[in-house]
Each structure stands twice: as C-alpha cells, then as structure tokens.
N, C-alpha and C. Protein backbone atom coordinates (compact mmCIF):
# COMPACT_ATOMS: atom_id res chain seq x y z
N MET A 1 6.49 -15.65 -8.92
CA MET A 1 6.08 -15.26 -7.61
C MET A 1 5.50 -16.47 -6.90
N ALA A 2 5.97 -16.71 -5.70
CA ALA A 2 5.47 -17.83 -4.91
C ALA A 2 4.24 -17.38 -4.13
N PHE A 3 3.27 -18.26 -4.04
CA PHE A 3 2.05 -17.96 -3.30
C PHE A 3 1.98 -18.83 -2.06
N ILE A 4 1.26 -18.33 -1.04
CA ILE A 4 1.02 -19.13 0.15
C ILE A 4 -0.47 -19.46 0.18
N GLN A 5 -0.80 -20.55 0.83
CA GLN A 5 -2.20 -20.94 0.94
C GLN A 5 -2.76 -20.38 2.24
N VAL A 6 -3.92 -19.74 2.13
CA VAL A 6 -4.55 -19.10 3.28
C VAL A 6 -6.00 -19.56 3.35
N SER A 7 -6.45 -19.80 4.55
CA SER A 7 -7.85 -20.15 4.76
C SER A 7 -8.50 -19.00 5.52
N ALA A 8 -9.62 -18.49 5.02
CA ALA A 8 -10.27 -17.36 5.67
C ALA A 8 -11.78 -17.49 5.53
N ARG A 9 -12.48 -16.96 6.51
CA ARG A 9 -13.94 -16.90 6.44
C ARG A 9 -14.32 -15.48 6.06
N LEU A 10 -15.00 -15.36 4.94
CA LEU A 10 -15.36 -14.05 4.41
C LEU A 10 -16.87 -13.90 4.30
N ASN A 11 -17.32 -12.67 4.45
CA ASN A 11 -18.73 -12.36 4.26
C ASN A 11 -19.02 -12.48 2.77
N PRO A 12 -19.92 -13.38 2.36
CA PRO A 12 -20.16 -13.59 0.93
C PRO A 12 -20.71 -12.36 0.21
N VAL A 13 -21.53 -11.56 0.89
CA VAL A 13 -22.08 -10.36 0.27
C VAL A 13 -20.96 -9.35 0.04
N GLN A 14 -20.11 -9.17 1.03
CA GLN A 14 -19.00 -8.23 0.88
C GLN A 14 -18.02 -8.71 -0.18
N LEU A 15 -17.79 -10.01 -0.25
CA LEU A 15 -16.89 -10.56 -1.28
C LEU A 15 -17.45 -10.30 -2.67
N ARG A 16 -18.75 -10.52 -2.87
CA ARG A 16 -19.36 -10.25 -4.19
C ARG A 16 -19.28 -8.77 -4.55
N ARG A 17 -19.50 -7.90 -3.56
CA ARG A 17 -19.39 -6.46 -3.81
C ARG A 17 -17.96 -6.09 -4.21
N ALA A 18 -16.99 -6.68 -3.52
CA ALA A 18 -15.58 -6.41 -3.83
C ALA A 18 -15.24 -6.93 -5.23
N GLN A 19 -15.72 -8.13 -5.56
CA GLN A 19 -15.46 -8.69 -6.89
C GLN A 19 -16.01 -7.77 -7.97
N LYS A 20 -17.21 -7.26 -7.76
CA LYS A 20 -17.82 -6.38 -8.75
C LYS A 20 -17.04 -5.07 -8.84
N ALA A 21 -16.69 -4.49 -7.71
CA ALA A 21 -15.97 -3.22 -7.69
C ALA A 21 -14.59 -3.33 -8.32
N LEU A 22 -13.94 -4.47 -8.12
CA LEU A 22 -12.58 -4.66 -8.62
C LEU A 22 -12.55 -5.30 -10.00
N GLY A 23 -13.69 -5.74 -10.50
CA GLY A 23 -13.74 -6.39 -11.80
C GLY A 23 -13.06 -7.74 -11.81
N ALA A 24 -13.12 -8.43 -10.68
CA ALA A 24 -12.46 -9.73 -10.55
C ALA A 24 -13.47 -10.86 -10.76
N LYS A 25 -12.96 -11.98 -11.25
CA LYS A 25 -13.83 -13.12 -11.50
C LYS A 25 -13.77 -14.17 -10.39
N THR A 26 -12.64 -14.27 -9.72
CA THR A 26 -12.47 -15.29 -8.70
C THR A 26 -12.16 -14.66 -7.35
N THR A 27 -12.32 -15.46 -6.30
CA THR A 27 -11.99 -15.00 -4.96
C THR A 27 -10.51 -14.67 -4.87
N ARG A 28 -9.68 -15.51 -5.43
CA ARG A 28 -8.23 -15.27 -5.40
C ARG A 28 -7.87 -13.95 -6.08
N GLU A 29 -8.47 -13.72 -7.23
CA GLU A 29 -8.20 -12.48 -7.96
C GLU A 29 -8.70 -11.27 -7.17
N THR A 30 -9.85 -11.41 -6.52
CA THR A 30 -10.40 -10.33 -5.71
C THR A 30 -9.46 -9.98 -4.57
N LEU A 31 -8.99 -10.99 -3.86
CA LEU A 31 -8.09 -10.75 -2.73
C LEU A 31 -6.76 -10.16 -3.20
N GLN A 32 -6.24 -10.63 -4.32
CA GLN A 32 -4.98 -10.10 -4.84
C GLN A 32 -5.12 -8.64 -5.23
N ARG A 33 -6.20 -8.29 -5.91
CA ARG A 33 -6.42 -6.89 -6.31
C ARG A 33 -6.63 -6.00 -5.09
N ALA A 34 -7.35 -6.51 -4.09
CA ALA A 34 -7.56 -5.72 -2.87
C ALA A 34 -6.25 -5.48 -2.15
N LEU A 35 -5.40 -6.49 -2.06
CA LEU A 35 -4.09 -6.33 -1.43
C LEU A 35 -3.22 -5.35 -2.21
N ASP A 36 -3.28 -5.42 -3.53
CA ASP A 36 -2.52 -4.47 -4.36
C ASP A 36 -2.98 -3.03 -4.10
N LEU A 37 -4.29 -2.83 -3.99
CA LEU A 37 -4.81 -1.49 -3.71
C LEU A 37 -4.37 -0.98 -2.34
N VAL A 38 -4.45 -1.85 -1.35
CA VAL A 38 -4.09 -1.44 0.02
C VAL A 38 -2.60 -1.10 0.11
N THR A 39 -1.75 -1.93 -0.47
CA THR A 39 -0.31 -1.65 -0.40
C THR A 39 0.05 -0.42 -1.22
N GLY A 40 -0.61 -0.22 -2.35
CA GLY A 40 -0.37 0.97 -3.15
C GLY A 40 -0.80 2.23 -2.42
N LYS A 41 -1.93 2.16 -1.73
CA LYS A 41 -2.41 3.32 -0.96
C LYS A 41 -1.46 3.62 0.19
N ALA A 42 -0.93 2.59 0.83
CA ALA A 42 0.02 2.81 1.93
C ALA A 42 1.26 3.55 1.44
N VAL A 43 1.76 3.19 0.28
CA VAL A 43 2.92 3.88 -0.30
C VAL A 43 2.55 5.33 -0.61
N HIS A 44 1.39 5.53 -1.21
CA HIS A 44 0.93 6.88 -1.53
C HIS A 44 0.80 7.73 -0.27
N ASP A 45 0.18 7.17 0.76
CA ASP A 45 0.01 7.91 2.02
C ASP A 45 1.35 8.27 2.65
N ARG A 46 2.29 7.35 2.60
CA ARG A 46 3.62 7.61 3.18
C ARG A 46 4.32 8.75 2.45
N ILE A 47 4.24 8.75 1.12
CA ILE A 47 4.85 9.83 0.33
C ILE A 47 4.14 11.15 0.61
N PHE A 48 2.81 11.11 0.65
CA PHE A 48 2.03 12.32 0.91
C PHE A 48 2.40 12.93 2.26
N LEU A 49 2.47 12.10 3.29
CA LEU A 49 2.81 12.60 4.62
C LEU A 49 4.24 13.15 4.68
N CYS A 50 5.13 12.54 3.93
CA CYS A 50 6.53 12.96 3.91
C CYS A 50 6.65 14.38 3.36
N TYR A 51 5.88 14.69 2.34
CA TYR A 51 6.01 15.98 1.67
C TYR A 51 4.96 17.01 2.05
N SER A 52 3.94 16.63 2.80
CA SER A 52 2.87 17.57 3.11
C SER A 52 3.13 18.40 4.35
N GLY A 53 3.98 17.93 5.24
CA GLY A 53 4.24 18.65 6.47
C GLY A 53 3.28 18.28 7.58
N VAL A 54 2.24 17.52 7.27
CA VAL A 54 1.27 17.12 8.28
C VAL A 54 1.95 16.18 9.27
N GLY A 55 1.74 16.45 10.53
CA GLY A 55 2.31 15.61 11.57
C GLY A 55 3.67 16.07 12.06
N LYS A 56 4.24 17.06 11.40
CA LYS A 56 5.53 17.58 11.82
C LYS A 56 5.31 18.72 12.81
N PRO A 57 6.23 18.94 13.73
CA PRO A 57 6.09 20.05 14.67
C PRO A 57 5.99 21.38 13.92
N ASP A 58 5.09 22.22 14.35
CA ASP A 58 4.89 23.56 13.77
C ASP A 58 4.49 23.51 12.29
N ALA A 59 3.81 22.45 11.87
CA ALA A 59 3.42 22.32 10.47
C ALA A 59 2.46 23.43 10.04
N PHE A 60 1.66 23.92 10.98
CA PHE A 60 0.68 24.93 10.64
C PHE A 60 0.90 26.23 11.41
N SER A 61 2.12 26.48 11.80
CA SER A 61 2.39 27.65 12.63
C SER A 61 2.42 28.96 11.84
N GLU A 62 2.68 28.89 10.56
CA GLU A 62 2.77 30.12 9.75
C GLU A 62 1.38 30.56 9.32
N ASP A 63 1.14 31.85 9.45
CA ASP A 63 -0.15 32.42 9.01
C ASP A 63 0.00 32.95 7.59
N TYR A 64 -0.87 32.55 6.73
CA TYR A 64 -0.83 33.02 5.34
C TYR A 64 -2.00 33.88 5.07
C-alpha cells in the first residue's frame, strides 16, 4: 500500500485521547485507525439505510 505525506495541525489533547481510545502508539497509527473506523462506519451506515427503509417515500406510512 502506498502512503501519502500529509501535514496537519492537531489538538494534542484530542490526539492523546484518540491514541488511548484506539490503543495506538504513534500519531500515524492513530490517524490510520481513525480513518479505518470512519470508512467502516460509512459502509455500515450505507447498508443500514439501504435495508431499513429510512429516507424512502412512505417508509412509515403503514400502521402496525
């Protein structure tokens, strides 16, 4: 996998909290794990919306 170099200004307190929450040792590992979580959640949300009926016309029109 090829990586790109990125320069970013991060809140050090938030970065330490993220490192602890994700069990990461380095900034790079923290950012990689956070990106993995975000992209995984996006896939999950897309599947959930596809099968839940939320957002579709008349999704809640039937009375049960």
